[in-house]
Amino acid sequence: MKKKGFLFISCEEAQYICDKAQYDEASLWEKFKLNIRLSWCKITRAYYKNNTMLTKKIKESNVECLDPNCKKNMKKELDKAIKEQAN
């Protein structure tokens, strides 16, 4: 990742900080630099908007995952079917 300077960051670094900020992993200084970039860069603003919308939709989705035992059984059945198909 290349940096532009002390306060002014590259688009790539802004996207990286944006991703970190979505998961509350960005420092206060990184958020400050991101906000400076967001104030003048429409590409970074679009990325930030899309990233925020995606995170919101994932949280709203209420997706239920399979429990580990069910996954394990499915994998065994799939492996068995593959072996039978190969023979």
PDB file of N, CA and C in Angstrom:
ATOM      1  N   MET A   1       0.834  -1.166   0.000  1.00  0.00           N
ATOM      2  CA  MET A   1       0.000   0.000   0.000  1.00  0.00           C
ATOM      3  C   MET A   1       0.886   1.239   0.000  1.00  0.00           C
ATOM      4  N   LYS A   2       0.713   2.112  -0.951  1.00  0.00           N
ATOM      5  CA  LYS A   2       1.536   3.308  -0.927  1.00  0.00           C
ATOM      6  C   LYS A   2       0.778   4.450  -0.274  1.00  0.00           C
ATOM      7  N   LYS A   3       1.524   5.270   0.434  1.00  0.00           N
ATOM      8  CA  LYS A   3       0.927   6.382   1.164  1.00  0.00           C
ATOM      9  C   LYS A   3       1.207   7.683   0.432  1.00  0.00           C
ATOM     10  N   LYS A   4       0.278   8.629   0.523  1.00  0.00           N
ATOM     11  CA  LYS A   4       0.442   9.915  -0.125  1.00  0.00           C
ATOM     12  C   LYS A   4       1.157  10.922   0.759  1.00  0.00           C
ATOM     13  N   GLY A   5       0.944  10.853   2.060  1.00  0.00           N
ATOM     14  CA  GLY A   5       1.572  11.814   2.943  1.00  0.00           C
ATOM     15  C   GLY A   5       1.057  11.684   4.362  1.00  0.00           C
ATOM     16  N   PHE A   6       1.330  12.713   5.126  1.00  0.00           N
ATOM     17  CA  PHE A   6       0.985  12.691   6.546  1.00  0.00           C
ATOM     18  C   PHE A   6      -0.524  12.668   6.755  1.00  0.00           C
ATOM     19  N   LEU A   7      -1.234  13.594   6.150  1.00  0.00           N
ATOM     20  CA  LEU A   7      -2.683  13.655   6.283  1.00  0.00           C
ATOM     21  C   LEU A   7      -3.405  13.099   5.075  1.00  0.00           C
ATOM     22  N   PHE A   8      -2.807  13.248   3.911  1.00  0.00           N
ATOM     23  CA  PHE A   8      -3.462  12.829   2.681  1.00  0.00           C
ATOM     24  C   PHE A   8      -3.044  11.407   2.336  1.00  0.00           C
ATOM     25  N   ILE A   9      -4.018  10.531   2.275  1.00  0.00           N
ATOM     26  CA  ILE A   9      -3.756   9.116   2.038  1.00  0.00           C
ATOM     27  C   ILE A   9      -4.222   8.731   0.641  1.00  0.00           C
ATOM     28  N   SER A  10      -3.694   7.637   0.133  1.00  0.00           N
ATOM     29  CA  SER A  10      -4.090   7.155  -1.186  1.00  0.00           C
ATOM     30  C   SER A  10      -5.476   6.530  -1.119  1.00  0.00           C
ATOM     31  N   CYS A  11      -6.055   6.314  -2.266  1.00  0.00           N
ATOM     32  CA  CYS A  11      -7.375   5.687  -2.358  1.00  0.00           C
ATOM     33  C   CYS A  11      -7.322   4.276  -1.773  1.00  0.00           C
ATOM     34  N   GLU A  12      -6.256   3.541  -2.059  1.00  0.00           N
ATOM     35  CA  GLU A  12      -6.119   2.176  -1.555  1.00  0.00           C
ATOM     36  C   GLU A  12      -6.055   2.145  -0.041  1.00  0.00           C
ATOM     37  N   GLU A  13      -5.297   3.084   0.542  1.00  0.00           N
ATOM     38  CA  GLU A  13      -5.201   3.126   1.992  1.00  0.00           C
ATOM     39  C   GLU A  13      -6.539   3.541   2.607  1.00  0.00           C
ATOM     40  N   ALA A  14      -7.241   4.453   1.941  1.00  0.00           N
ATOM     41  CA  ALA A  14      -8.554   4.878   2.430  1.00  0.00           C
ATOM     42  C   ALA A  14      -9.530   3.703   2.420  1.00  0.00           C
ATOM     43  N   GLN A  15      -9.485   2.873   1.388  1.00  0.00           N
ATOM     44  CA  GLN A  15     -10.363   1.708   1.325  1.00  0.00           C
ATOM     45  C   GLN A  15     -10.011   0.719   2.432  1.00  0.00           C
ATOM     46  N   TYR A  16      -8.735   0.541   2.690  1.00  0.00           N
ATOM     47  CA  TYR A  16      -8.291  -0.354   3.760  1.00  0.00           C
ATOM     48  C   TYR A  16      -8.783   0.149   5.115  1.00  0.00           C
ATOM     49  N   ILE A  17      -8.640   1.440   5.358  1.00  0.00           N
ATOM     50  CA  ILE A  17      -9.098   2.022   6.622  1.00  0.00           C
ATOM     51  C   ILE A  17     -10.615   1.946   6.719  1.00  0.00           C
ATOM     52  N   CYS A  18     -11.292   2.135   5.603  1.00  0.00           N
ATOM     53  CA  CYS A  18     -12.751   2.031   5.562  1.00  0.00           C
ATOM     54  C   CYS A  18     -13.193   0.636   5.994  1.00  0.00           C
ATOM     55  N   ASP A  19     -12.525  -0.379   5.473  1.00  0.00           N
ATOM     56  CA  ASP A  19     -12.839  -1.761   5.854  1.00  0.00           C
ATOM     57  C   ASP A  19     -12.594  -1.974   7.350  1.00  0.00           C
ATOM     58  N   LYS A  20     -11.483  -1.455   7.862  1.00  0.00           N
ATOM     59  CA  LYS A  20     -11.182  -1.590   9.278  1.00  0.00           C
ATOM     60  C   LYS A  20     -12.222  -0.857  10.122  1.00  0.00           C
ATOM     61  N   ALA A  21     -12.640   0.308   9.674  1.00  0.00           N
ATOM     62  CA  ALA A  21     -13.614   1.104  10.429  1.00  0.00           C
ATOM     63  C   ALA A  21     -14.963   0.398  10.510  1.00  0.00           C
ATOM     64  N   GLN A  22     -15.328  -0.348   9.479  1.00  0.00           N
ATOM     65  CA  GLN A  22     -16.598  -1.068   9.485  1.00  0.00           C
ATOM     66  C   GLN A  22     -16.648  -2.097  10.609  1.00  0.00           C
ATOM     67  N   TYR A  23     -15.498  -2.609  11.014  1.00  0.00           N
ATOM     68  CA  TYR A  23     -15.431  -3.615  12.068  1.00  0.00           C
ATOM     69  C   TYR A  23     -14.845  -3.044  13.356  1.00  0.00           C
ATOM     70  N   ASP A  24     -14.862  -1.716  13.488  1.00  0.00           N
ATOM     71  CA  ASP A  24     -14.360  -1.007  14.670  1.00  0.00           C
ATOM     72  C   ASP A  24     -12.919  -1.375  15.005  1.00  0.00           C
ATOM     73  N   GLU A  25     -12.093  -1.556  13.982  1.00  0.00           N
ATOM     74  CA  GLU A  25     -10.687  -1.882  14.178  1.00  0.00           C
ATOM     75  C   GLU A  25      -9.766  -0.712  13.822  1.00  0.00           C
ATOM     76  N   ALA A  26     -10.325   0.375  13.302  1.00  0.00           N
ATOM     77  CA  ALA A  26      -9.515   1.523  12.906  1.00  0.00           C
ATOM     78  C   ALA A  26      -9.262   2.426  14.110  1.00  0.00           C
ATOM     79  N   SER A  27      -8.055   2.976  14.158  1.00  0.00           N
ATOM     80  CA  SER A  27      -7.720   3.897  15.244  1.00  0.00           C
ATOM     81  C   SER A  27      -8.371   5.255  14.987  1.00  0.00           C
ATOM     82  N   LEU A  28      -8.361   6.089  15.998  1.00  0.00           N
ATOM     83  CA  LEU A  28      -8.920   7.430  15.869  1.00  0.00           C
ATOM     84  C   LEU A  28      -8.179   8.218  14.792  1.00  0.00           C
ATOM     85  N   TRP A  29      -6.864   8.074  14.734  1.00  0.00           N
ATOM     86  CA  TRP A  29      -6.044   8.772  13.732  1.00  0.00           C
ATOM     87  C   TRP A  29      -6.397   8.295  12.315  1.00  0.00           C
ATOM     88  N   GLU A  30      -6.583   6.998  12.144  1.00  0.00           N
ATOM     89  CA  GLU A  30      -6.951   6.463  10.835  1.00  0.00           C
ATOM     90  C   GLU A  30      -8.318   6.984  10.408  1.00  0.00           C
ATOM     91  N   LYS A  31      -9.256   7.023  11.344  1.00  0.00           N
ATOM     92  CA  LYS A  31     -10.590   7.550  11.029  1.00  0.00           C
ATOM     93  C   LYS A  31     -10.521   9.020  10.641  1.00  0.00           C
ATOM     94  N   PHE A  32      -9.658   9.767  11.310  1.00  0.00           N
ATOM     95  CA  PHE A  32      -9.475  11.178  10.990  1.00  0.00           C
ATOM     96  C   PHE A  32      -8.960  11.347   9.555  1.00  0.00           C
ATOM     97  N   LYS A  33      -7.932  10.572   9.204  1.00  0.00           N
ATOM     98  CA  LYS A  33      -7.380  10.635   7.849  1.00  0.00           C
ATOM     99  C   LYS A  33      -8.410  10.197   6.811  1.00  0.00           C
ATOM    100  N   LEU A  34      -9.213   9.187   7.155  1.00  0.00           N
ATOM    101  CA  LEU A  34     -10.267   8.727   6.244  1.00  0.00           C
ATOM    102  C   LEU A  34     -11.290   9.829   6.018  1.00  0.00           C
ATOM    103  N   ASN A  35     -11.678  10.521   7.079  1.00  0.00           N
ATOM    104  CA  ASN A  35     -12.653  11.606   6.937  1.00  0.00           C
ATOM    105  C   ASN A  35     -12.132  12.743   6.073  1.00  0.00           C
ATOM    106  N   ILE A  36     -10.840  13.019   6.165  1.00  0.00           N
ATOM    107  CA  ILE A  36     -10.252  14.032   5.280  1.00  0.00           C
ATOM    108  C   ILE A  36     -10.371  13.576   3.828  1.00  0.00           C
ATOM    109  N   ARG A  37     -10.048  12.318   3.579  1.00  0.00           N
ATOM    110  CA  ARG A  37     -10.138  11.771   2.221  1.00  0.00           C
ATOM    111  C   ARG A  37     -11.587  11.780   1.726  1.00  0.00           C
ATOM    112  N   LEU A  38     -12.520  11.416   2.595  1.00  0.00           N
ATOM    113  CA  LEU A  38     -13.934  11.390   2.217  1.00  0.00           C
ATOM    114  C   LEU A  38     -14.459  12.776   1.864  1.00  0.00           C
ATOM    115  N   SER A  39     -13.866  13.816   2.435  1.00  0.00           N
ATOM    116  CA  SER A  39     -14.344  15.175   2.197  1.00  0.00           C
ATOM    117  C   SER A  39     -14.115  15.647   0.763  1.00  0.00           C
ATOM    118  N   TRP A  40     -13.157  15.054   0.042  1.00  0.00           N
ATOM    119  CA  TRP A  40     -12.884  15.546  -1.299  1.00  0.00           C
ATOM    120  C   TRP A  40     -12.835  14.467  -2.388  1.00  0.00           C
ATOM    121  N   CYS A  41     -12.831  13.196  -2.023  1.00  0.00           N
ATOM    122  CA  CYS A  41     -12.684  12.143  -3.037  1.00  0.00           C
ATOM    123  C   CYS A  41     -14.011  11.409  -3.248  1.00  0.00           C
ATOM    124  N   LYS A  42     -14.605  11.582  -4.421  1.00  0.00           N
ATOM    125  CA  LYS A  42     -15.900  10.941  -4.663  1.00  0.00           C
ATOM    126  C   LYS A  42     -15.765   9.435  -4.854  1.00  0.00           C
ATOM    127  N   ILE A  43     -14.630   8.944  -5.283  1.00  0.00           N
ATOM    128  CA  ILE A  43     -14.414   7.503  -5.433  1.00  0.00           C
ATOM    129  C   ILE A  43     -14.398   6.833  -4.057  1.00  0.00           C
ATOM    130  N   THR A  44     -13.690   7.450  -3.119  1.00  0.00           N
ATOM    131  CA  THR A  44     -13.640   6.911  -1.756  1.00  0.00           C
ATOM    132  C   THR A  44     -15.016   7.005  -1.096  1.00  0.00           C
ATOM    133  N   ARG A  45     -15.742   8.103  -1.338  1.00  0.00           N
ATOM    134  CA  ARG A  45     -17.097   8.229  -0.784  1.00  0.00           C
ATOM    135  C   ARG A  45     -18.013   7.140  -1.316  1.00  0.00           C
ATOM    136  N   ALA A  46     -17.907   6.823  -2.610  1.00  0.00           N
ATOM    137  CA  ALA A  46     -18.731   5.766  -3.200  1.00  0.00           C
ATOM    138  C   ALA A  46     -18.376   4.414  -2.590  1.00  0.00           C
ATOM    139  N   TYR A  47     -17.082   4.149  -2.420  1.00  0.00           N
ATOM    140  CA  TYR A  47     -16.643   2.899  -1.794  1.00  0.00           C
ATOM    141  C   TYR A  47     -17.182   2.814  -0.369  1.00  0.00           C
ATOM    142  N   TYR A  48     -17.068   3.911   0.381  1.00  0.00           N
ATOM    143  CA  TYR A  48     -17.537   3.960   1.763  1.00  0.00           C
ATOM    144  C   TYR A  48     -19.044   3.715   1.828  1.00  0.00           C
ATOM    145  N   LYS A  49     -19.776   4.343   0.924  1.00  0.00           N
ATOM    146  CA  LYS A  49     -21.237   4.181   0.893  1.00  0.00           C
ATOM    147  C   LYS A  49     -21.617   2.728   0.602  1.00  0.00           C
ATOM    148  N   ASN A  50     -20.990   2.129  -0.407  1.00  0.00           N
ATOM    149  CA  ASN A  50     -21.276   0.737  -0.760  1.00  0.00           C
ATOM    150  C   ASN A  50     -20.886  -0.222   0.361  1.00  0.00           C
ATOM    151  N   ASN A  51     -19.751   0.029   0.991  1.00  0.00           N
ATOM    152  CA  ASN A  51     -19.276  -0.814   2.081  1.00  0.00           C
ATOM    153  C   ASN A  51     -20.235  -0.743   3.272  1.00  0.00           C
ATOM    154  N   THR A  52     -20.693   0.459   3.581  1.00  0.00           N
ATOM    155  CA  THR A  52     -21.638   0.648   4.683  1.00  0.00           C
ATOM    156  C   THR A  52     -22.956  -0.054   4.391  1.00  0.00           C
ATOM    157  N   MET A  53     -23.442   0.078   3.160  1.00  0.00           N
ATOM    158  CA  MET A  53     -24.701  -0.551   2.773  1.00  0.00           C
ATOM    159  C   MET A  53     -24.583  -2.075   2.834  1.00  0.00           C
ATOM    160  N   LEU A  54     -23.483  -2.626   2.361  1.00  0.00           N
ATOM    161  CA  LEU A  54     -23.267  -4.068   2.399  1.00  0.00           C
ATOM    162  C   LEU A  54     -23.244  -4.588   3.837  1.00  0.00           C
ATOM    163  N   THR A  55     -22.522  -3.905   4.710  1.00  0.00           N
ATOM    164  CA  THR A  55     -22.458  -4.306   6.112  1.00  0.00           C
ATOM    165  C   THR A  55     -23.840  -4.265   6.752  1.00  0.00           C
ATOM    166  N   LYS A  56     -24.608  -3.229   6.451  1.00  0.00           N
ATOM    167  CA  LYS A  56     -25.960  -3.099   7.002  1.00  0.00           C
ATOM    168  C   LYS A  56     -26.852  -4.241   6.528  1.00  0.00           C
ATOM    169  N   LYS A  57     -26.796  -4.558   5.242  1.00  0.00           N
ATOM    170  CA  LYS A  57     -27.629  -5.628   4.691  1.00  0.00           C
ATOM    171  C   LYS A  57     -27.253  -6.993   5.270  1.00  0.00           C
ATOM    172  N   ILE A  58     -25.978  -7.229   5.481  1.00  0.00           N
ATOM    173  CA  ILE A  58     -25.536  -8.501   6.066  1.00  0.00           C
ATOM    174  C   ILE A  58     -26.053  -8.628   7.493  1.00  0.00           C
ATOM    175  N   LYS A  59     -25.992  -7.531   8.251  1.00  0.00           N
ATOM    176  CA  LYS A  59     -26.480  -7.574   9.630  1.00  0.00           C
ATOM    177  C   LYS A  59     -27.991  -7.786   9.675  1.00  0.00           C
ATOM    178  N   GLU A  60     -28.725  -7.221   8.701  1.00  0.00           N
ATOM    179  CA  GLU A  60     -30.181  -7.352   8.652  1.00  0.00           C
ATOM    180  C   GLU A  60     -30.650  -8.704   8.134  1.00  0.00           C
ATOM    181  N   SER A  61     -29.789  -9.451   7.489  1.00  0.00           N
ATOM    182  CA  SER A  61     -30.195 -10.647   6.767  1.00  0.00           C
ATOM    183  C   SER A  61     -30.685 -11.788   7.651  1.00  0.00           C
ATOM    184  N   ASN A  62     -30.239 -11.855   8.892  1.00  0.00           N
ATOM    185  CA  ASN A  62     -30.636 -12.927   9.811  1.00  0.00           C
ATOM    186  C   ASN A  62     -30.402 -14.316   9.212  1.00  0.00           C
ATOM    187  N   VAL A  63     -29.266 -14.504   8.602  1.00  0.00           N
ATOM    188  CA  VAL A  63     -28.918 -15.782   8.000  1.00  0.00           C
ATOM    189  C   VAL A  63     -28.597 -16.779   9.099  1.00  0.00           C
ATOM    190  N   GLU A  64     -29.169 -17.961   8.998  1.00  0.00           N
ATOM    191  CA  GLU A  64     -28.880 -19.010   9.959  1.00  0.00           C
ATOM    192  C   GLU A  64     -27.907 -19.995   9.324  1.00  0.00           C
ATOM    193  N   CYS A  65     -26.814 -20.232   9.999  1.00  0.00           N
ATOM    194  CA  CYS A  65     -25.796 -21.150   9.501  1.00  0.00           C
ATOM    195  C   CYS A  65     -26.053 -22.557  10.032  1.00  0.00           C
ATOM    196  N   LEU A  66     -25.519 -23.520   9.315  1.00  0.00           N
ATOM    197  CA  LEU A  66     -25.622 -24.907   9.765  1.00  0.00           C
ATOM    198  C   LEU A  66     -24.726 -25.129  10.974  1.00  0.00           C
ATOM    199  N   ASP A  67     -25.188 -25.985  11.866  1.00  0.00           N
ATOM    200  CA  ASP A  67     -24.338 -26.306  13.003  1.00  0.00           C
ATOM    201  C   ASP A  67     -23.201 -27.212  12.522  1.00  0.00           C
ATOM    202  N   PRO A  68     -22.099 -27.250  13.248  1.00  0.00           N
ATOM    203  CA  PRO A  68     -20.919 -28.016  12.815  1.00  0.00           C
ATOM    204  C   PRO A  68     -21.189 -29.502  12.577  1.00  0.00           C
ATOM    205  N   ASN A  69     -22.044 -30.115  13.395  1.00  0.00           N
ATOM    206  CA  ASN A  69     -22.338 -31.542  13.210  1.00  0.00           C
ATOM    207  C   ASN A  69     -23.050 -31.797  11.889  1.00  0.00           C
ATOM    208  N   CYS A  70     -23.989 -30.939  11.545  1.00  0.00           N
ATOM    209  CA  CYS A  70     -24.713 -31.078  10.279  1.00  0.00           C
ATOM    210  C   CYS A  70     -23.751 -30.918   9.100  1.00  0.00           C
ATOM    211  N   LYS A  71     -22.850 -29.932   9.200  1.00  0.00           N
ATOM    212  CA  LYS A  71     -21.857 -29.726   8.143  1.00  0.00           C
ATOM    213  C   LYS A  71     -20.977 -30.962   7.969  1.00  0.00           C
ATOM    214  N   LYS A  72     -20.573 -31.529   9.106  1.00  0.00           N
ATOM    215  CA  LYS A  72     -19.703 -32.704   9.084  1.00  0.00           C
ATOM    216  C   LYS A  72     -20.403 -33.879   8.396  1.00  0.00           C
ATOM    217  N   ASN A  73     -21.675 -34.092   8.738  1.00  0.00           N
ATOM    218  CA  ASN A  73     -22.447 -35.168   8.116  1.00  0.00           C
ATOM    219  C   ASN A  73     -22.624 -34.953   6.623  1.00  0.00           C
ATOM    220  N   MET A  74     -22.886 -33.724   6.236  1.00  0.00           N
ATOM    221  CA  MET A  74     -23.038 -33.417   4.811  1.00  0.00           C
ATOM    222  C   MET A  74     -21.741 -33.680   4.060  1.00  0.00           C
ATOM    223  N   LYS A  75     -20.608 -33.310   4.670  1.00  0.00           N
ATOM    224  CA  LYS A  75     -19.307 -33.540   4.041  1.00  0.00           C
ATOM    225  C   LYS A  75     -19.048 -35.030   3.870  1.00  0.00           C
ATOM    226  N   LYS A  76     -19.378 -35.824   4.902  1.00  0.00           N
ATOM    227  CA  LYS A  76     -19.202 -37.280   4.810  1.00  0.00           C
ATOM    228  C   LYS A  76     -20.045 -37.853   3.677  1.00  0.00           C
ATOM    229  N   GLU A  77     -21.301 -37.423   3.588  1.00  0.00           N
ATOM    230  CA  GLU A  77     -22.188 -37.911   2.528  1.00  0.00           C
ATOM    231  C   GLU A  77     -21.680 -37.505   1.151  1.00  0.00           C
ATOM    232  N   LEU A  78     -21.179 -36.286   1.039  1.00  0.00           N
ATOM    233  CA  LEU A  78     -20.647 -35.814  -0.241  1.00  0.00           C
ATOM    234  C   LEU A  78     -19.404 -36.614  -0.625  1.00  0.00           C
ATOM    235  N   ASP A  79     -18.509 -36.813   0.324  1.00  0.00           N
ATOM    236  CA  ASP A  79     -17.305 -37.609   0.052  1.00  0.00           C
ATOM    237  C   ASP A  79     -17.675 -39.030  -0.369  1.00  0.00           C
ATOM    238  N   LYS A  80     -18.656 -39.600   0.301  1.00  0.00           N
ATOM    239  CA  LYS A  80     -19.118 -40.951  -0.035  1.00  0.00           C
ATOM    240  C   LYS A  80     -19.686 -40.989  -1.455  1.00  0.00           C
ATOM    241  N   ALA A  81     -20.489 -39.986  -1.807  1.00  0.00           N
ATOM    242  CA  ALA A  81     -21.078 -39.926  -3.148  1.00  0.00           C
ATOM    243  C   ALA A  81     -20.004 -39.749  -4.216  1.00  0.00           C
ATOM    244  N   ILE A  82     -18.989 -38.972  -3.909  1.00  0.00           N
ATOM    245  CA  ILE A  82     -17.893 -38.763  -4.860  1.00  0.00           C
ATOM    246  C   ILE A  82     -17.131 -40.063  -5.087  1.00  0.00           C
ATOM    247  N   LYS A  83     -16.872 -40.810  -4.009  1.00  0.00           N
ATOM    248  CA  LYS A  83     -16.162 -42.087  -4.114  1.00  0.00           C
ATOM    249  C   LYS A  83     -16.978 -43.083  -4.935  1.00  0.00           C
ATOM    250  N   GLU A  84     -18.283 -43.124  -4.690  1.00  0.00           N
ATOM    251  CA  GLU A  84     -19.157 -44.039  -5.438  1.00  0.00           C
ATOM    252  C   GLU A  84     -19.168 -43.671  -6.917  1.00  0.00           C
ATOM    253  N   GLN A  85     -19.175 -42.375  -7.202  1.00  0.00           N
ATOM    254  CA  GLN A  85     -19.206 -41.905  -8.586  1.00  0.00           C
ATOM    255  C   GLN A  85     -17.903 -42.251  -9.303  1.00  0.00           C
ATOM    256  N   ALA A  86     -16.788 -42.207  -8.563  1.00  0.00           N
ATOM    257  CA  ALA A  86     -15.488 -42.502  -9.154  1.00  0.00           C
ATOM    258  C   ALA A  86     -15.340 -43.975  -9.495  1.00  0.00           C
ATOM    259  N   ASN A  87     -16.026 -44.838  -8.774  1.00  0.00           N
ATOM    260  CA  ASN A  87     -15.912 -46.280  -9.005  1.00  0.00           C
ATOM    261  C   ASN A  87     -16.784 -46.734 -10.116  1.00  0.00           C
TER     262      ASN A  87
END
